[in-house]
Amino acid sequence: MSYIITDACISCGACEPECPVGAITAGDDIYVIDPATCIDCGACASVCPVEAPQQD
């Protein structure tokens, strides 16, 4: 199971540096998580001000 970033994302960038495996990148409108790289650690969710990262 991995995390996804929902449409609630405000593109603040808080999640990207928190990912220990570099699975998060800036997308066209919101940040995105590569499910093949995500290790389901929840670091992104713990720093997001709008709770956009959710378990898939």
C-alpha atoms as a PDB file:
ATOM      1  CA  MET A   1       0.000   0.000   0.000  1.00  0.00           C
ATOM      2  CA  SER A   2       1.268   3.476  -0.792  1.00  0.00           C
ATOM      3  CA  TYR A   3       0.196   7.051  -0.313  1.00  0.00           C
ATOM      4  CA  ILE A   4      -1.433   9.274  -2.924  1.00  0.00           C
ATOM      5  CA  ILE A   5      -1.849  13.034  -2.867  1.00  0.00           C
ATOM      6  CA  THR A   6      -5.452  14.124  -3.234  1.00  0.00           C
ATOM      7  CA  ASP A   7      -6.850  17.209  -4.941  1.00  0.00           C
ATOM      8  CA  ALA A   8      -6.766  18.933  -1.545  1.00  0.00           C
ATOM      9  CA  CYS A   9      -3.060  19.607  -2.228  1.00  0.00           C
ATOM     10  CA  ILE A  10      -2.185  23.316  -2.191  1.00  0.00           C
ATOM     11  CA  SER A  11       1.289  22.738  -3.698  1.00  0.00           C
ATOM     12  CA  CYS A  12       3.067  24.149  -0.650  1.00  0.00           C
ATOM     13  CA  GLY A  13       5.953  21.686  -1.032  1.00  0.00           C
ATOM     14  CA  ALA A  14       6.135  20.687   2.639  1.00  0.00           C
ATOM     15  CA  CYS A  15       5.900  16.990   1.811  1.00  0.00           C
ATOM     16  CA  GLU A  16       8.654  16.691  -0.794  1.00  0.00           C
ATOM     17  CA  PRO A  17      11.717  17.142   1.471  1.00  0.00           C
ATOM     18  CA  GLU A  18      10.193  14.848   4.121  1.00  0.00           C
ATOM     19  CA  CYS A  19      10.071  11.783   1.855  1.00  0.00           C
ATOM     20  CA  PRO A  20      13.035   9.569   2.756  1.00  0.00           C
ATOM     21  CA  VAL A  21      13.012   7.787  -0.616  1.00  0.00           C
ATOM     22  CA  GLY A  22      12.321  10.709  -2.957  1.00  0.00           C
ATOM     23  CA  ALA A  23       8.945   9.432  -4.115  1.00  0.00           C
ATOM     24  CA  ILE A  24       7.315  12.893  -4.191  1.00  0.00           C
ATOM     25  CA  THR A  25       7.682  15.297  -7.102  1.00  0.00           C
ATOM     26  CA  ALA A  26       5.919  18.435  -8.278  1.00  0.00           C
ATOM     27  CA  GLY A  27       3.229  17.629 -10.803  1.00  0.00           C
ATOM     28  CA  ASP A  28       1.407  20.005 -13.136  1.00  0.00           C
ATOM     29  CA  ASP A  29      -1.048  21.242 -10.501  1.00  0.00           C
ATOM     30  CA  ILE A  30      -0.305  19.254  -7.346  1.00  0.00           C
ATOM     31  CA  TYR A  31       2.506  17.147  -5.948  1.00  0.00           C
ATOM     32  CA  VAL A  32       2.484  13.459  -6.879  1.00  0.00           C
ATOM     33  CA  ILE A  33       3.799  10.299  -5.237  1.00  0.00           C
ATOM     34  CA  ASP A  34       5.367   7.478  -7.254  1.00  0.00           C
ATOM     35  CA  PRO A  35       3.589   4.378  -5.877  1.00  0.00           C
ATOM     36  CA  ALA A  36       6.462   2.107  -6.902  1.00  0.00           C
ATOM     37  CA  THR A  37       8.896   4.125  -4.774  1.00  0.00           C
ATOM     38  CA  CYS A  38       6.652   4.985  -1.796  1.00  0.00           C
ATOM     39  CA  ILE A  39       7.454   2.938   1.334  1.00  0.00           C
ATOM     40  CA  ASP A  40       4.207   3.842   3.152  1.00  0.00           C
ATOM     41  CA  CYS A  41       6.028   5.627   5.989  1.00  0.00           C
ATOM     42  CA  GLY A  42       3.546   8.503   6.373  1.00  0.00           C
ATOM     43  CA  ALA A  43       6.191  11.224   6.677  1.00  0.00           C
ATOM     44  CA  CYS A  44       4.445  13.278   4.004  1.00  0.00           C
ATOM     45  CA  ALA A  45       1.083  13.037   5.725  1.00  0.00           C
ATOM     46  CA  SER A  46       2.524  14.152   9.056  1.00  0.00           C
ATOM     47  CA  VAL A  47       3.694  17.522   7.672  1.00  0.00           C
ATOM     48  CA  CYS A  48       0.886  18.348   5.249  1.00  0.00           C
ATOM     49  CA  PRO A  49      -1.202  21.340   6.420  1.00  0.00           C
ATOM     50  CA  VAL A  50      -4.286  20.196   4.461  1.00  0.00           C
ATOM     51  CA  GLU A  51      -4.045  16.401   4.908  1.00  0.00           C
ATOM     52  CA  ALA A  52      -3.693  15.831   1.149  1.00  0.00           C
ATOM     53  CA  PRO A  53      -1.532  12.656   1.362  1.00  0.00           C
ATOM     54  CA  GLN A  54      -3.807   9.690   2.032  1.00  0.00           C
ATOM     55  CA  GLN A  55      -3.215   5.948   2.009  1.00  0.00           C
ATOM     56  CA  ASP A  56      -4.252   4.448  -1.305  1.00  0.00           C
END
